[in-house]
Amino acid sequence: MYAPKRPFTKYTPYDVVLTWLATRPSHQHRGAATMLLRWLIDLAEREGLDLYLQATPTGYPLYRQFGFEDAAAFEVNLGDLGGTVEDGPEGPYRTVLMRFSVGGRT
């Protein structure tokens, strides 16, 4: 795990936090998430807002394609909590806190 350049929990009025974006598996690969991300990025660019989100391993490649950068990463061993990672590799489950910087602020 590594620390973000700016404390991740101290958002400003110029930040937008995407709390949840998911597509039902039977409707994936039809462009819905791409359309929503384009809309959100266009809004952020118009308003000068930075975007933040927490990416799952499944969503991470999409967010990278749109220019989001890693801010911090967290790994959780779900086995320690009595869970498993379905359709994924053995070992820890990793999520990445990501930032899309519009205003060039750090």
Protein backbone atom coordinates (compact mmCIF):
# COMPACT_ATOMS: atom_id res chain seq x y z
CA MET A 1 0.00 0.00 0.00
CA TYR A 2 1.22 3.53 -0.66
CA ALA A 3 0.09 6.95 0.43
CA PRO A 4 -1.49 9.48 -1.93
CA LYS A 5 0.27 12.74 -2.74
CA ARG A 6 -2.66 14.64 -1.23
CA PRO A 7 -4.61 13.25 1.72
CA PHE A 8 -7.34 11.29 -0.02
CA THR A 9 -10.02 12.01 2.55
CA LYS A 10 -9.70 15.80 2.34
CA TYR A 11 -11.75 16.66 -0.71
CA THR A 12 -12.29 20.23 -1.74
CA PRO A 13 -15.39 21.87 -3.24
CA TYR A 14 -13.59 21.30 -6.56
CA ASP A 15 -13.63 17.51 -6.28
CA VAL A 16 -16.19 14.95 -7.40
CA VAL A 17 -16.22 11.46 -5.90
CA LEU A 18 -17.75 8.70 -7.99
CA THR A 19 -19.03 6.35 -5.31
CA TRP A 20 -20.43 3.53 -7.41
CA LEU A 21 -20.43 2.51 -11.08
CA ALA A 22 -21.40 -1.03 -11.97
CA THR A 23 -22.96 -2.80 -14.91
CA ARG A 24 -25.05 -5.93 -14.63
CA PRO A 25 -22.94 -8.76 -16.11
CA SER A 26 -25.58 -9.57 -18.73
CA HIS A 27 -25.36 -5.95 -19.98
CA GLN A 28 -21.59 -5.48 -19.93
CA HIS A 29 -19.56 -4.57 -23.02
CA ARG A 30 -22.36 -2.45 -24.49
CA GLY A 31 -20.82 0.93 -23.69
CA ALA A 32 -22.94 2.08 -20.73
CA ALA A 33 -20.01 2.63 -18.33
CA THR A 34 -18.01 4.33 -21.10
CA MET A 35 -20.90 6.68 -21.84
CA LEU A 36 -21.32 7.58 -18.17
CA LEU A 37 -17.59 8.18 -17.68
CA ARG A 38 -17.41 10.40 -20.77
CA TRP A 39 -20.34 12.43 -19.47
CA LEU A 40 -18.75 12.78 -16.02
CA ILE A 41 -15.34 13.73 -17.42
CA ASP A 42 -16.91 16.30 -19.75
CA LEU A 43 -18.75 17.82 -16.77
CA ALA A 44 -15.58 17.85 -14.67
CA GLU A 45 -13.60 19.54 -17.44
CA ARG A 46 -16.30 22.19 -17.96
CA GLU A 47 -16.51 22.93 -14.24
CA GLY A 48 -12.80 22.50 -13.40
CA LEU A 49 -13.45 19.61 -11.00
CA ASP A 50 -11.11 16.73 -10.18
CA LEU A 51 -12.62 13.23 -10.08
CA TYR A 52 -11.92 10.47 -7.57
CA LEU A 53 -13.04 6.86 -7.42
CA GLN A 54 -12.13 3.50 -5.97
CA ALA A 55 -11.44 0.99 -8.73
CA THR A 56 -11.96 -2.74 -8.48
CA PRO A 57 -9.67 -5.04 -10.46
CA THR A 58 -12.41 -5.36 -13.08
CA GLY A 59 -12.93 -1.61 -13.56
CA TYR A 60 -9.31 -0.52 -13.21
CA PRO A 61 -8.31 -0.94 -16.91
CA LEU A 62 -11.29 1.15 -18.05
CA TYR A 63 -10.45 4.01 -15.71
CA ARG A 64 -6.80 3.95 -16.85
CA GLN A 65 -7.99 4.25 -20.46
CA PHE A 66 -9.81 7.43 -19.49
CA GLY A 67 -6.72 8.95 -17.88
CA PHE A 68 -7.33 8.24 -14.19
CA GLU A 69 -4.10 7.87 -12.20
CA ASP A 70 -3.38 5.81 -9.10
CA ALA A 71 -3.55 7.78 -5.86
CA ALA A 72 -3.40 4.91 -3.34
CA ALA A 73 -3.89 1.15 -3.28
CA PHE A 74 -5.36 -1.16 -0.68
CA GLU A 75 -5.09 -4.91 -0.42
CA VAL A 76 -7.41 -7.03 1.68
CA ASN A 77 -7.00 -10.74 2.25
CA LEU A 78 -10.63 -11.80 2.05
CA GLY A 79 -9.73 -15.24 3.37
CA ASP A 80 -8.89 -13.62 6.70
CA LEU A 81 -12.43 -12.26 6.76
CA GLY A 82 -14.06 -15.54 5.78
CA GLY A 83 -14.61 -14.57 2.12
CA THR A 84 -13.24 -15.46 -1.30
CA VAL A 85 -12.55 -13.63 -4.53
CA GLU A 86 -14.73 -15.10 -7.26
CA ASP A 87 -13.29 -15.29 -10.76
CA GLY A 88 -10.00 -13.85 -9.55
CA PRO A 89 -6.53 -14.91 -8.58
CA GLU A 90 -5.75 -16.41 -5.23
CA GLY A 91 -4.39 -14.01 -2.66
CA PRO A 92 -5.33 -10.49 -1.64
CA TYR A 93 -8.09 -8.47 -3.26
CA ARG A 94 -6.73 -5.11 -4.43
CA THR A 95 -8.62 -1.87 -4.95
CA VAL A 96 -7.03 1.33 -6.17
CA LEU A 97 -8.06 4.87 -5.29
CA MET A 98 -7.79 6.83 -8.52
CA ARG A 99 -7.80 10.49 -9.52
CA PHE A 100 -8.58 12.27 -12.78
CA SER A 101 -7.01 15.72 -12.50
CA VAL A 102 -8.65 18.49 -14.50
CA GLY A 103 -7.28 21.62 -12.92
CA GLY A 104 -3.69 20.51 -12.57
CA ARG A 105 -3.95 20.79 -8.78
CA THR A 106 -1.99 18.41 -6.54
